[in-house]
Amino acid sequence: MKYKNKILSTVLILFLTITFIGCDLLGDDGSSGTTVSNATLVVVNNSSYDIYYLYVSPSSSSEWGNNQLTSTLYSGYSFTLNNIPPGEYDLHADASGITWTRANQMLNEGATWTWTLID
């Protein structure tokens, strides 16, 4: 009987240990505890034009969305856009009629991608 109780105690301890380890691996919402690192886009304006509009839209979208620039991106300067969920994007920059477009650009998890605009 003493031996049987020892086995049951050991099994119970193992069960509780596995349960607590499993709970620690899950987030508060029950999802896996792993987090996705968002992507970063750096736009370098090596053109002779000042950029007034920058649009970054999921490739699956039919609309460009909002202008991402908070001020003019002057010639010779760069702009960094952080916290982009990983995925495939279309990019569009506009300097009052002079435009640059890049379709289906993959922005990978945790990566920084640089888009250099030239004449």
PDB file of N, CA and C in Angstrom:
ATOM      1  N   MET A   1       0.822  -1.185   0.000  1.00  0.00           N
ATOM      2  CA  MET A   1       0.000   0.000   0.000  1.00  0.00           C
ATOM      3  C   MET A   1       0.871   1.256   0.000  1.00  0.00           C
ATOM      4  N   LYS A   2       1.929   1.208   0.809  1.00  0.00           N
ATOM      5  CA  LYS A   2       2.830   2.342   0.895  1.00  0.00           C
ATOM      6  C   LYS A   2       3.467   2.611  -0.465  1.00  0.00           C
ATOM      7  N   TYR A   3       3.843   1.579  -1.175  1.00  0.00           N
ATOM      8  CA  TYR A   3       4.451   1.690  -2.499  1.00  0.00           C
ATOM      9  C   TYR A   3       3.457   2.277  -3.503  1.00  0.00           C
ATOM     10  N   LYS A   4       2.204   1.870  -3.438  1.00  0.00           N
ATOM     11  CA  LYS A   4       1.156   2.354  -4.330  1.00  0.00           C
ATOM     12  C   LYS A   4       0.923   3.852  -4.108  1.00  0.00           C
ATOM     13  N   ASN A   5       0.897   4.319  -2.876  1.00  0.00           N
ATOM     14  CA  ASN A   5       0.715   5.737  -2.579  1.00  0.00           C
ATOM     15  C   ASN A   5       1.879   6.566  -3.120  1.00  0.00           C
ATOM     16  N   LYS A   6       3.077   6.021  -3.035  1.00  0.00           N
ATOM     17  CA  LYS A   6       4.260   6.724  -3.543  1.00  0.00           C
ATOM     18  C   LYS A   6       4.170   6.886  -5.059  1.00  0.00           C
ATOM     19  N   ILE A   7       3.719   5.876  -5.762  1.00  0.00           N
ATOM     20  CA  ILE A   7       3.554   5.937  -7.217  1.00  0.00           C
ATOM     21  C   ILE A   7       2.469   6.961  -7.572  1.00  0.00           C
ATOM     22  N   LEU A   8       1.349   6.931  -6.855  1.00  0.00           N
ATOM     23  CA  LEU A   8       0.280   7.896  -7.123  1.00  0.00           C
ATOM     24  C   LEU A   8       0.746   9.323  -6.858  1.00  0.00           C
ATOM     25  N   SER A   9       1.510   9.521  -5.814  1.00  0.00           N
ATOM     26  CA  SER A   9       2.039  10.860  -5.502  1.00  0.00           C
ATOM     27  C   SER A   9       2.973  11.337  -6.608  1.00  0.00           C
ATOM     28  N   THR A  10       3.817  10.451  -7.099  1.00  0.00           N
ATOM     29  CA  THR A  10       4.755  10.805  -8.165  1.00  0.00           C
ATOM     30  C   THR A  10       4.005  11.148  -9.449  1.00  0.00           C
ATOM     31  N   VAL A  11       3.007  10.364  -9.777  1.00  0.00           N
ATOM     32  CA  VAL A  11       2.198  10.632 -10.976  1.00  0.00           C
ATOM     33  C   VAL A  11       1.479  11.968 -10.833  1.00  0.00           C
ATOM     34  N   LEU A  12       0.936  12.250  -9.666  1.00  0.00           N
ATOM     35  CA  LEU A  12       0.240  13.510  -9.425  1.00  0.00           C
ATOM     36  C   LEU A  12       1.194  14.697  -9.554  1.00  0.00           C
ATOM     37  N   ILE A  13       2.386  14.568  -9.015  1.00  0.00           N
ATOM     38  CA  ILE A  13       3.386  15.642  -9.119  1.00  0.00           C
ATOM     39  C   ILE A  13       3.767  15.869 -10.580  1.00  0.00           C
ATOM     40  N   LEU A  14       3.981  14.804 -11.328  1.00  0.00           N
ATOM     41  CA  LEU A  14       4.308  14.926 -12.759  1.00  0.00           C
ATOM     42  C   LEU A  14       3.166  15.588 -13.518  1.00  0.00           C
ATOM     43  N   PHE A  15       1.952  15.192 -13.234  1.00  0.00           N
ATOM     44  CA  PHE A  15       0.790  15.775 -13.906  1.00  0.00           C
ATOM     45  C   PHE A  15       0.693  17.270 -13.630  1.00  0.00           C
ATOM     46  N   LEU A  16       0.827  17.658 -12.360  1.00  0.00           N
ATOM     47  CA  LEU A  16       0.742  19.076 -12.005  1.00  0.00           C
ATOM     48  C   LEU A  16       1.887  19.875 -12.624  1.00  0.00           C
ATOM     49  N   THR A  17       3.072  19.299 -12.664  1.00  0.00           N
ATOM     50  CA  THR A  17       4.221  19.980 -13.272  1.00  0.00           C
ATOM     51  C   THR A  17       3.976  20.222 -14.752  1.00  0.00           C
ATOM     52  N   ILE A  18       3.521  19.210 -15.454  1.00  0.00           N
ATOM     53  CA  ILE A  18       3.241  19.345 -16.891  1.00  0.00           C
ATOM     54  C   ILE A  18       2.118  20.360 -17.114  1.00  0.00           C
ATOM     55  N   THR A  19       1.107  20.350 -16.260  1.00  0.00           N
ATOM     56  CA  THR A  19      -0.001  21.303 -16.382  1.00  0.00           C
ATOM     57  C   THR A  19       0.490  22.734 -16.217  1.00  0.00           C
ATOM     58  N   PHE A  20       1.304  22.977 -15.191  1.00  0.00           N
ATOM     59  CA  PHE A  20       1.806  24.338 -14.961  1.00  0.00           C
ATOM     60  C   PHE A  20       2.744  24.793 -16.066  1.00  0.00           C
ATOM     61  N   ILE A  21       3.564  23.907 -16.570  1.00  0.00           N
ATOM     62  CA  ILE A  21       4.455  24.265 -17.677  1.00  0.00           C
ATOM     63  C   ILE A  21       3.615  24.611 -18.902  1.00  0.00           C
ATOM     64  N   GLY A  22       2.599  23.824 -19.176  1.00  0.00           N
ATOM     65  CA  GLY A  22       1.729  24.086 -20.318  1.00  0.00           C
ATOM     66  C   GLY A  22       0.996  25.401 -20.185  1.00  0.00           C
ATOM     67  N   CYS A  23       0.555  25.745 -18.977  1.00  0.00           N
ATOM     68  CA  CYS A  23      -0.133  27.027 -18.767  1.00  0.00           C
ATOM     69  C   CYS A  23       0.813  28.188 -18.983  1.00  0.00           C
ATOM     70  N   ASP A  24       2.063  28.028 -18.617  1.00  0.00           N
ATOM     71  CA  ASP A  24       3.035  29.102 -18.761  1.00  0.00           C
ATOM     72  C   ASP A  24       3.351  29.372 -20.233  1.00  0.00           C
ATOM     73  N   LEU A  25       3.137  28.392 -21.089  1.00  0.00           N
ATOM     74  CA  LEU A  25       3.421  28.559 -22.506  1.00  0.00           C
ATOM     75  C   LEU A  25       2.282  29.236 -23.250  1.00  0.00           C
ATOM     76  N   LEU A  26       1.169  29.436 -22.575  1.00  0.00           N
ATOM     77  CA  LEU A  26       0.025  30.065 -23.225  1.00  0.00           C
ATOM     78  C   LEU A  26      -0.124  31.498 -22.749  1.00  0.00           C
ATOM     79  N   GLY A  27      -0.601  32.361 -23.640  1.00  0.00           N
ATOM     80  CA  GLY A  27      -0.858  33.755 -23.276  1.00  0.00           C
ATOM     81  C   GLY A  27      -2.111  33.865 -22.437  1.00  0.00           C
ATOM     82  N   ASP A  28      -2.432  35.061 -21.991  1.00  0.00           N
ATOM     83  CA  ASP A  28      -3.617  35.288 -21.173  1.00  0.00           C
ATOM     84  C   ASP A  28      -4.900  34.911 -21.897  1.00  0.00           C
ATOM     85  N   ASP A  29      -4.882  35.001 -23.222  1.00  0.00           N
ATOM     86  CA  ASP A  29      -6.079  34.685 -23.995  1.00  0.00           C
ATOM     87  C   ASP A  29      -6.139  33.217 -24.406  1.00  0.00           C
ATOM     88  N   GLY A  30      -5.181  32.418 -23.920  1.00  0.00           N
ATOM     89  CA  GLY A  30      -5.159  30.999 -24.252  1.00  0.00           C
ATOM     90  C   GLY A  30      -4.393  30.686 -25.515  1.00  0.00           C
ATOM     91  N   SER A  31      -3.902  31.723 -26.211  1.00  0.00           N
ATOM     92  CA  SER A  31      -3.131  31.493 -27.430  1.00  0.00           C
ATOM     93  C   SER A  31      -1.701  31.138 -27.054  1.00  0.00           C
ATOM     94  N   SER A  32      -0.924  30.708 -28.016  1.00  0.00           N
ATOM     95  CA  SER A  32       0.463  30.369 -27.723  1.00  0.00           C
ATOM     96  C   SER A  32       1.198  31.607 -27.245  1.00  0.00           C
ATOM     97  N   GLY A  33       2.175  31.431 -26.382  1.00  0.00           N
ATOM     98  CA  GLY A  33       2.900  32.537 -25.789  1.00  0.00           C
ATOM     99  C   GLY A  33       3.884  33.200 -26.736  1.00  0.00           C
ATOM    100  N   THR A  34       4.038  32.677 -27.937  1.00  0.00           N
ATOM    101  CA  THR A  34       4.976  33.283 -28.872  1.00  0.00           C
ATOM    102  C   THR A  34       4.391  34.572 -29.436  1.00  0.00           C
ATOM    103  N   THR A  35       5.249  35.560 -29.639  1.00  0.00           N
ATOM    104  CA  THR A  35       4.796  36.824 -30.201  1.00  0.00           C
ATOM    105  C   THR A  35       5.413  37.015 -31.575  1.00  0.00           C
ATOM    106  N   VAL A  36       4.702  37.730 -32.415  1.00  0.00           N
ATOM    107  CA  VAL A  36       5.179  38.001 -33.764  1.00  0.00           C
ATOM    108  C   VAL A  36       5.920  39.331 -33.746  1.00  0.00           C
ATOM    109  N   SER A  37       7.133  39.326 -34.278  1.00  0.00           N
ATOM    110  CA  SER A  37       7.887  40.572 -34.400  1.00  0.00           C
ATOM    111  C   SER A  37       7.482  41.240 -35.700  1.00  0.00           C
ATOM    112  N   ASN A  38       7.026  42.463 -35.592  1.00  0.00           N
ATOM    113  CA  ASN A  38       6.600  43.192 -36.776  1.00  0.00           C
ATOM    114  C   ASN A  38       7.792  43.605 -37.621  1.00  0.00           C
ATOM    115  N   ALA A  39       7.508  43.984 -38.845  1.00  0.00           N
ATOM    116  CA  ALA A  39       8.540  44.401 -39.790  1.00  0.00           C
ATOM    117  C   ALA A  39       8.733  45.909 -39.735  1.00  0.00           C
ATOM    118  N   THR A  40       9.836  46.350 -40.315  1.00  0.00           N
ATOM    119  CA  THR A  40      10.158  47.776 -40.414  1.00  0.00           C
ATOM    120  C   THR A  40      10.465  48.087 -41.869  1.00  0.00           C
ATOM    121  N   LEU A  41       9.959  49.225 -42.345  1.00  0.00           N
ATOM    122  CA  LEU A  41      10.229  49.709 -43.690  1.00  0.00           C
ATOM    123  C   LEU A  41      10.985  51.026 -43.591  1.00  0.00           C
ATOM    124  N   VAL A  42      12.118  51.108 -44.262  1.00  0.00           N
ATOM    125  CA  VAL A  42      12.879  52.347 -44.345  1.00  0.00           C
ATOM    126  C   VAL A  42      12.817  52.827 -45.787  1.00  0.00           C
ATOM    127  N   VAL A  43      12.326  54.043 -45.995  1.00  0.00           N
ATOM    128  CA  VAL A  43      12.258  54.631 -47.333  1.00  0.00           C
ATOM    129  C   VAL A  43      13.350  55.686 -47.415  1.00  0.00           C
ATOM    130  N   VAL A  44      14.281  55.493 -48.343  1.00  0.00           N
ATOM    131  CA  VAL A  44      15.396  56.426 -48.532  1.00  0.00           C
ATOM    132  C   VAL A  44      15.125  57.228 -49.798  1.00  0.00           C
ATOM    133  N   ASN A  45      15.058  58.539 -49.665  1.00  0.00           N
ATOM    134  CA  ASN A  45      14.783  59.397 -50.813  1.00  0.00           C
ATOM    135  C   ASN A  45      16.102  59.868 -51.425  1.00  0.00           C
ATOM    136  N   ASN A  46      16.613  59.095 -52.364  1.00  0.00           N
ATOM    137  CA  ASN A  46      17.822  59.471 -53.104  1.00  0.00           C
ATOM    138  C   ASN A  46      17.471  60.093 -54.448  1.00  0.00           C
ATOM    139  N   SER A  47      16.220  60.528 -54.583  1.00  0.00           N
ATOM    140  CA  SER A  47      15.807  61.202 -55.813  1.00  0.00           C
ATOM    141  C   SER A  47      16.051  62.702 -55.653  1.00  0.00           C
ATOM    142  N   SER A  48      15.814  63.432 -56.717  1.00  0.00           N
ATOM    143  CA  SER A  48      15.948  64.888 -56.645  1.00  0.00           C
ATOM    144  C   SER A  48      14.619  65.563 -56.304  1.00  0.00           C
ATOM    145  N   TYR A  49      13.614  64.762 -55.946  1.00  0.00           N
ATOM    146  CA  TYR A  49      12.271  65.270 -55.645  1.00  0.00           C
ATOM    147  C   TYR A  49      11.958  65.126 -54.152  1.00  0.00           C
ATOM    148  N   ASP A  50      11.092  65.979 -53.654  1.00  0.00           N
ATOM    149  CA  ASP A  50      10.568  65.845 -52.306  1.00  0.00           C
ATOM    150  C   ASP A  50       9.320  64.970 -52.376  1.00  0.00           C
ATOM    151  N   ILE A  51       9.208  64.017 -51.459  1.00  0.00           N
ATOM    152  CA  ILE A  51       8.089  63.071 -51.444  1.00  0.00           C
ATOM    153  C   ILE A  51       7.029  63.589 -50.475  1.00  0.00           C
ATOM    154  N   TYR A  52       5.782  63.652 -50.952  1.00  0.00           N
ATOM    155  CA  TYR A  52       4.683  64.161 -50.148  1.00  0.00           C
ATOM    156  C   TYR A  52       3.742  63.071 -49.645  1.00  0.00           C
ATOM    157  N   TYR A  53       3.724  61.939 -50.336  1.00  0.00           N
ATOM    158  CA  TYR A  53       2.805  60.862 -49.980  1.00  0.00           C
ATOM    159  C   TYR A  53       3.529  59.530 -50.011  1.00  0.00           C
ATOM    160  N   LEU A  54       3.241  58.706 -49.016  1.00  0.00           N
ATOM    161  CA  LEU A  54       3.760  57.341 -48.962  1.00  0.00           C
ATOM    162  C   LEU A  54       2.617  56.434 -48.525  1.00  0.00           C
ATOM    163  N   TYR A  55       2.310  55.466 -49.351  1.00  0.00           N
ATOM    164  CA  TYR A  55       1.241  54.527 -49.042  1.00  0.00           C
ATOM    165  C   TYR A  55       1.829  53.120 -48.949  1.00  0.00           C
ATOM    166  N   VAL A  56       1.408  52.407 -47.915  1.00  0.00           N
ATOM    167  CA  VAL A  56       1.818  51.023 -47.697  1.00  0.00           C
ATOM    168  C   VAL A  56       0.541  50.246 -47.458  1.00  0.00           C
ATOM    169  N   SER A  57       0.197  49.387 -48.395  1.00  0.00           N
ATOM    170  CA  SER A  57      -1.081  48.691 -48.345  1.00  0.00           C
ATOM    171  C   SER A  57      -0.867  47.192 -48.551  1.00  0.00           C
ATOM    172  N   PRO A  58      -1.592  46.345 -47.807  1.00  0.00           N
ATOM    173  CA  PRO A  58      -1.492  44.907 -48.079  1.00  0.00           C
ATOM    174  C   PRO A  58      -1.789  44.634 -49.555  1.00  0.00           C
ATOM    175  N   SER A  59      -1.033  43.753 -50.158  1.00  0.00           N
ATOM    176  CA  SER A  59      -1.215  43.455 -51.585  1.00  0.00           C
ATOM    177  C   SER A  59      -2.625  42.982 -51.898  1.00  0.00           C
ATOM    178  N   SER A  60      -3.290  42.401 -50.922  1.00  0.00           N
ATOM    179  CA  SER A  60      -4.647  41.899 -51.141  1.00  0.00           C
ATOM    180  C   SER A  60      -5.699  43.013 -51.123  1.00  0.00           C
ATOM    181  N   SER A  61      -5.309  44.229 -50.716  1.00  0.00           N
ATOM    182  CA  SER A  61      -6.262  45.333 -50.615  1.00  0.00           C
ATOM    183  C   SER A  61      -6.424  46.047 -51.953  1.00  0.00           C
ATOM    184  N   SER A  62      -7.619  46.554 -52.203  1.00  0.00           N
ATOM    185  CA  SER A  62      -7.869  47.302 -53.435  1.00  0.00           C
ATOM    186  C   SER A  62      -7.705  48.805 -53.225  1.00  0.00           C
ATOM    187  N   GLU A  63      -7.405  49.223 -51.989  1.00  0.00           N
ATOM    188  CA  GLU A  63      -7.227  50.644 -51.685  1.00  0.00           C
ATOM    189  C   GLU A  63      -5.859  50.882 -51.047  1.00  0.00           C
ATOM    190  N   TRP A  64      -5.367  52.124 -51.202  1.00  0.00           N
ATOM    191  CA  TRP A  64      -4.065  52.476 -50.650  1.00  0.00           C
ATOM    192  C   TRP A  64      -4.119  52.790 -49.164  1.00  0.00           C
ATOM    193  N   GLY A  65      -5.218  53.289 -48.663  1.00  0.00           N
ATOM    194  CA  GLY A  65      -5.275  53.660 -47.252  1.00  0.00           C
ATOM    195  C   GLY A  65      -4.733  55.056 -47.018  1.00  0.00           C
ATOM    196  N   ASN A  66      -4.201  55.296 -45.811  1.00  0.00           N
ATOM    197  CA  ASN A  66      -3.752  56.618 -45.409  1.00  0.00           C
ATOM    198  C   ASN A  66      -2.300  56.897 -45.796  1.00  0.00           C
ATOM    199  N   ASN A  67      -2.012  58.174 -46.006  1.00  0.00           N
ATOM    200  CA  ASN A  67      -0.644  58.624 -46.222  1.00  0.00           C
ATOM    201  C   ASN A  67       0.152  58.354 -44.935  1.00  0.00           C
ATOM    202  N   GLN A  68       1.272  57.672 -45.052  1.00  0.00           N
ATOM    203  CA  GLN A  68       2.072  57.308 -43.887  1.00  0.00           C
ATOM    204  C   GLN A  68       3.054  58.405 -43.463  1.00  0.00           C
ATOM    205  N   LEU A  69       3.278  59.375 -44.329  1.00  0.00           N
ATOM    206  CA  LEU A  69       4.210  60.445 -43.992  1.00  0.00           C
ATOM    207  C   LEU A  69       3.546  61.463 -43.077  1.00  0.00           C
ATOM    208  N   THR A  70       4.265  61.868 -42.051  1.00  0.00           N
ATOM    209  CA  THR A  70       3.766  62.902 -41.148  1.00  0.00           C
ATOM    210  C   THR A  70       4.262  64.275 -41.574  1.00  0.00           C
ATOM    211  N   SER A  71       5.264  64.303 -42.441  1.00  0.00           N
ATOM    212  CA  SER A  71       5.777  65.539 -43.031  1.00  0.00           C
ATOM    213  C   SER A  71       6.478  65.177 -44.335  1.00  0.00           C
ATOM    214  N   THR A  72       6.889  66.165 -45.083  1.00  0.00           N
ATOM    215  CA  THR A  72       7.543  65.947 -46.374  1.00  0.00           C
ATOM    216  C   THR A  72       8.839  65.155 -46.182  1.00  0.00           C
ATOM    217  N   LEU A  73       9.049  64.179 -47.056  1.00  0.00           N
ATOM    218  CA  LEU A  73      10.311  63.430 -47.074  1.00  0.00           C
ATOM    219  C   LEU A  73      11.213  64.098 -48.114  1.00  0.00           C
ATOM    220  N   TYR A  74      12.083  64.952 -47.633  1.00  0.00           N
ATOM    221  CA  TYR A  74      12.936  65.742 -48.514  1.00  0.00           C
ATOM    222  C   TYR A  74      14.006  64.887 -49.171  1.00  0.00           C
ATOM    223  N   SER A  75      14.445  65.351 -50.338  1.00  0.00           N
ATOM    224  CA  SER A  75      15.522  64.697 -51.069  1.00  0.00           C
ATOM    225  C   SER A  75      16.738  64.561 -50.153  1.00  0.00           C
ATOM    226  N   GLY A  76      17.306  63.354 -50.117  1.00  0.00           N
ATOM    227  CA  GLY A  76      18.478  63.103 -49.282  1.00  0.00           C
ATOM    228  C   GLY A  76      18.158  62.604 -47.887  1.00  0.00           C
ATOM    229  N   TYR A  77      16.885  62.502 -47.542  1.00  0.00           N
ATOM    230  CA  TYR A  77      16.489  62.054 -46.210  1.00  0.00           C
ATOM    231  C   TYR A  77      15.811  60.687 -46.278  1.00  0.00           C
ATOM    232  N   SER A  78      15.591  60.095 -45.111  1.00  0.00           N
ATOM    233  CA  SER A  78      14.903  58.809 -45.052  1.00  0.00           C
ATOM    234  C   SER A  78      13.766  58.872 -44.038  1.00  0.00           C
ATOM    235  N   PHE A  79      12.871  57.927 -44.156  1.00  0.00           N
ATOM    236  CA  PHE A  79      11.708  57.824 -43.278  1.00  0.00           C
ATOM    237  C   PHE A  79      11.573  56.363 -42.870  1.00  0.00           C
ATOM    238  N   THR A  80      11.333  56.125 -41.580  1.00  0.00           N
ATOM    239  CA  THR A  80      11.193  54.763 -41.077  1.00  0.00           C
ATOM    240  C   THR A  80       9.763  54.541 -40.595  1.00  0.00           C
ATOM    241  N   LEU A  81       9.182  53.461 -41.063  1.00  0.00           N
ATOM    242  CA  LEU A  81       7.838  53.065 -40.655  1.00  0.00           C
ATOM    243  C   LEU A  81       7.972  51.740 -39.897  1.00  0.00           C
ATOM    244  N   ASN A  82       7.636  51.772 -38.615  1.00  0.00           N
ATOM    245  CA  ASN A  82       7.758  50.600 -37.747  1.00  0.00           C
ATOM    246  C   ASN A  82       6.419  49.904 -37.556  1.00  0.00           C
ATOM    247  N   ASN A  83       6.489  48.746 -36.928  1.00  0.00           N
ATOM    248  CA  ASN A  83       5.286  48.017 -36.495  1.00  0.00           C
ATOM    249  C   ASN A  83       4.383  47.572 -37.633  1.00  0.00           C
ATOM    250  N   ILE A  84       4.959  47.137 -38.721  1.00  0.00           N
ATOM    251  CA  ILE A  84       4.173  46.634 -39.845  1.00  0.00           C
ATOM    252  C   ILE A  84       4.001  45.125 -39.656  1.00  0.00           C
ATOM    253  N   PRO A  85       2.772  44.648 -39.576  1.00  0.00           N
ATOM    254  CA  PRO A  85       2.590  43.199 -39.460  1.00  0.00           C
ATOM    255  C   PRO A  85       3.228  42.492 -40.663  1.00  0.00           C
ATOM    256  N   PRO A  86       3.917  41.382 -40.438  1.00  0.00           N
ATOM    257  CA  PRO A  86       4.556  40.675 -41.553  1.00  0.00           C
ATOM    258  C   PRO A  86       3.535  40.318 -42.633  1.00  0.00           C
ATOM    259  N   GLY A  87       3.977  40.403 -43.873  1.00  0.00           N
ATOM    260  CA  GLY A  87       3.103  40.063 -44.986  1.00  0.00           C
ATOM    261  C   GLY A  87       3.584  40.676 -46.279  1.00  0.00           C
ATOM    262  N   GLU A  88       2.736  40.583 -47.293  1.00  0.00           N
ATOM    263  CA  GLU A  88       3.062  41.094 -48.629  1.00  0.00           C
ATOM    264  C   GLU A  88       2.349  42.434 -48.835  1.00  0.00           C
ATOM    265  N   TYR A  89       3.124  43.436 -49.264  1.00  0.00           N
ATOM    266  CA  TYR A  89       2.600  44.800 -49.370  1.00  0.00           C
ATOM    267  C   TYR A  89       2.899  45.415 -50.728  1.00  0.00           C
ATOM    268  N   ASP A  90       2.032  46.364 -51.095  1.00  0.00           N
ATOM    269  CA  ASP A  90       2.279  47.243 -52.239  1.00  0.00           C
ATOM    270  C   ASP A  90       2.682  48.595 -51.664  1.00  0.00           C
ATOM    271  N   LEU A  91       3.701  49.213 -52.275  1.00  0.00           N
ATOM    272  CA  LEU A  91       4.235  50.483 -51.799  1.00  0.00           C
ATOM    273  C   LEU A  91       4.084  51.522 -52.893  1.00  0.00           C
ATOM    274  N   HIS A  92       3.757  52.751 -52.486  1.00  0.00           N
ATOM    275  CA  HIS A  92       3.581  53.814 -53.467  1.00  0.00           C
ATOM    276  C   HIS A  92       4.063  55.124 -52.851  1.00  0.00           C
ATOM    277  N   ALA A  93       4.966  55.806 -53.548  1.00  0.00           N
ATOM    278  CA  ALA A  93       5.456  57.120 -53.121  1.00  0.00           C
ATOM    279  C   ALA A  93       5.138  58.122 -54.221  1.00  0.00           C
ATOM    280  N   ASP A  94       4.795  59.349 -53.799  1.00  0.00           N
ATOM    281  CA  ASP A  94       4.359  60.363 -54.762  1.00  0.00           C
ATOM    282  C   ASP A  94       5.007  61.703 -54.437  1.00  0.00           C
ATOM    283  N   ALA A  95       5.595  62.306 -55.483  1.00  0.00           N
ATOM    284  CA  ALA A  95       6.222  63.632 -55.370  1.00  0.00           C
ATOM    285  C   ALA A  95       5.508  64.588 -56.309  1.00  0.00           C
ATOM    286  N   SER A  96       4.211  64.752 -56.108  1.00  0.00           N
ATOM    287  CA  SER A  96       3.389  65.628 -56.959  1.00  0.00           C
ATOM    288  C   SER A  96       3.506  65.274 -58.441  1.00  0.00           C
ATOM    289  N   GLY A  97       3.120  64.059 -58.753  1.00  0.00           N
ATOM    290  CA  GLY A  97       3.100  63.627 -60.151  1.00  0.00           C
ATOM    291  C   GLY A  97       4.212  62.666 -60.521  1.00  0.00           C
ATOM    292  N   ILE A  98       5.337  62.736 -59.860  1.00  0.00           N
ATOM    293  CA  ILE A  98       6.414  61.752 -60.046  1.00  0.00           C
ATOM    294  C   ILE A  98       6.154  60.659 -59.030  1.00  0.00           C
ATOM    295  N   THR A  99       5.999  59.412 -59.495  1.00  0.00           N
ATOM    296  CA  THR A  99       5.626  58.343 -58.567  1.00  0.00           C
ATOM    297  C   THR A  99       6.572  57.155 -58.656  1.00  0.00           C
ATOM    298  N   TRP A 100       6.617  56.432 -57.575  1.00  0.00           N
ATOM    299  CA  TRP A 100       7.335  55.161 -57.488  1.00  0.00           C
ATOM    300  C   TRP A 100       6.351  54.153 -56.909  1.00  0.00           C
ATOM    301  N   THR A 101       6.293  52.977 -57.499  1.00  0.00           N
ATOM    302  CA  THR A 101       5.406  51.928 -57.005  1.00  0.00           C
ATOM    303  C   THR A 101       6.161  50.605 -56.990  1.00  0.00           C
ATOM    304  N   ARG A 102       5.951  49.859 -55.948  1.00  0.00           N
ATOM    305  CA  ARG A 102       6.534  48.518 -55.838  1.00  0.00           C
ATOM    306  C   ARG A 102       5.422  47.590 -55.369  1.00  0.00           C
ATOM    307  N   ALA A 103       5.167  46.557 -56.142  1.00  0.00           N
ATOM    308  CA  ALA A 103       4.081  45.624 -55.836  1.00  0.00           C
ATOM    309  C   ALA A 103       4.624  44.339 -55.226  1.00  0.00           C
ATOM    310  N   ASN A 104       3.821  43.752 -54.370  1.00  0.00           N
ATOM    311  CA  ASN A 104       4.077  42.427 -53.800  1.00  0.00           C
ATOM    312  C   ASN A 104       5.419  42.318 -53.073  1.00  0.00           C
ATOM    313  N   GLN A 105       5.745  43.338 -52.299  1.00  0.00           N
ATOM    314  CA  GLN A 105       6.980  43.307 -51.517  1.00  0.00           C
ATOM    315  C   GLN A 105       6.721  42.569 -50.210  1.00  0.00           C
ATOM    316  N   MET A 106       7.497  41.522 -49.968  1.00  0.00           N
ATOM    317  CA  MET A 106       7.352  40.752 -48.735  1.00  0.00           C
ATOM    318  C   MET A 106       8.094  41.457 -47.610  1.00  0.00           C
ATOM    319  N   LEU A 107       7.391  41.736 -46.530  1.00  0.00           N
ATOM    320  CA  LEU A 107       7.994  42.307 -45.329  1.00  0.00           C
ATOM    321  C   LEU A 107       7.961  41.205 -44.274  1.00  0.00           C
ATOM    322  N   ASN A 108       9.131  40.659 -44.002  1.00  0.00           N
ATOM    323  CA  ASN A 108       9.240  39.488 -43.134  1.00  0.00           C
ATOM    324  C   ASN A 108       9.256  39.845 -41.659  1.00  0.00           C
ATOM    325  N   GLU A 109       8.835  38.902 -40.867  1.00  0.00           N
ATOM    326  CA  GLU A 109       8.787  39.060 -39.422  1.00  0.00           C
ATOM    327  C   GLU A 109      10.149  39.465 -38.860  1.00  0.00           C
ATOM    328  N   GLY A 110      10.170  40.551 -38.111  1.00  0.00           N
ATOM    329  CA  GLY A 110      11.382  41.010 -37.442  1.00  0.00           C
ATOM    330  C   GLY A 110      12.428  41.637 -38.345  1.00  0.00           C
ATOM    331  N   ALA A 111      12.146  41.737 -39.639  1.00  0.00           N
ATOM    332  CA  ALA A 111      13.137  42.237 -40.595  1.00  0.00           C
ATOM    333  C   ALA A 111      12.917  43.713 -40.912  1.00  0.00           C
ATOM    334  N   THR A 112      13.987  44.347 -41.366  1.00  0.00           N
ATOM    335  CA  THR A 112      13.925  45.718 -41.866  1.00  0.00           C
ATOM    336  C   THR A 112      14.201  45.669 -43.352  1.00  0.00           C
ATOM    337  N   TRP A 113      13.313  46.266 -44.138  1.00  0.00           N
ATOM    338  CA  TRP A 113      13.505  46.313 -45.581  1.00  0.00           C
ATOM    339  C   TRP A 113      13.648  47.770 -45.996  1.00  0.00           C
ATOM    340  N   THR A 114      14.633  48.063 -46.854  1.00  0.00           N
ATOM    341  CA  THR A 114      14.891  49.420 -47.292  1.00  0.00           C
ATOM    342  C   THR A 114      14.460  49.584 -48.746  1.00  0.00           C
ATOM    343  N   TRP A 115      13.662  50.624 -48.991  1.00  0.00           N
ATOM    344  CA  TRP A 115      13.214  50.981 -50.340  1.00  0.00           C
ATOM    345  C   TRP A 115      13.871  52.297 -50.683  1.00  0.00           C
ATOM    346  N   THR A 116      14.773  52.273 -51.667  1.00  0.00           N
ATOM    347  CA  THR A 116      15.501  53.474 -52.065  1.00  0.00           C
ATOM    348  C   THR A 116      14.862  54.039 -53.335  1.00  0.00           C
ATOM    349  N   LEU A 117      14.446  55.296 -53.252  1.00  0.00           N
ATOM    350  CA  LEU A 117      13.828  55.986 -54.389  1.00  0.00           C
ATOM    351  C   LEU A 117      14.894  56.790 -55.121  1.00  0.00           C
ATOM    352  N   ILE A 118      15.018  56.544 -56.428  1.00  0.00           N
ATOM    353  CA  ILE A 118      15.992  57.275 -57.257  1.00  0.00           C
ATOM    354  C   ILE A 118      15.290  57.790 -58.505  1.00  0.00           C
ATOM    355  N   ASP A 119      15.917  58.789 -59.145  1.00  0.00           N
ATOM    356  CA  ASP A 119      15.358  59.352 -60.391  1.00  0.00           C
ATOM    357  C   ASP A 119      15.431  58.323 -61.503  1.00  0.00           C
TER     358      ASP A 119
END
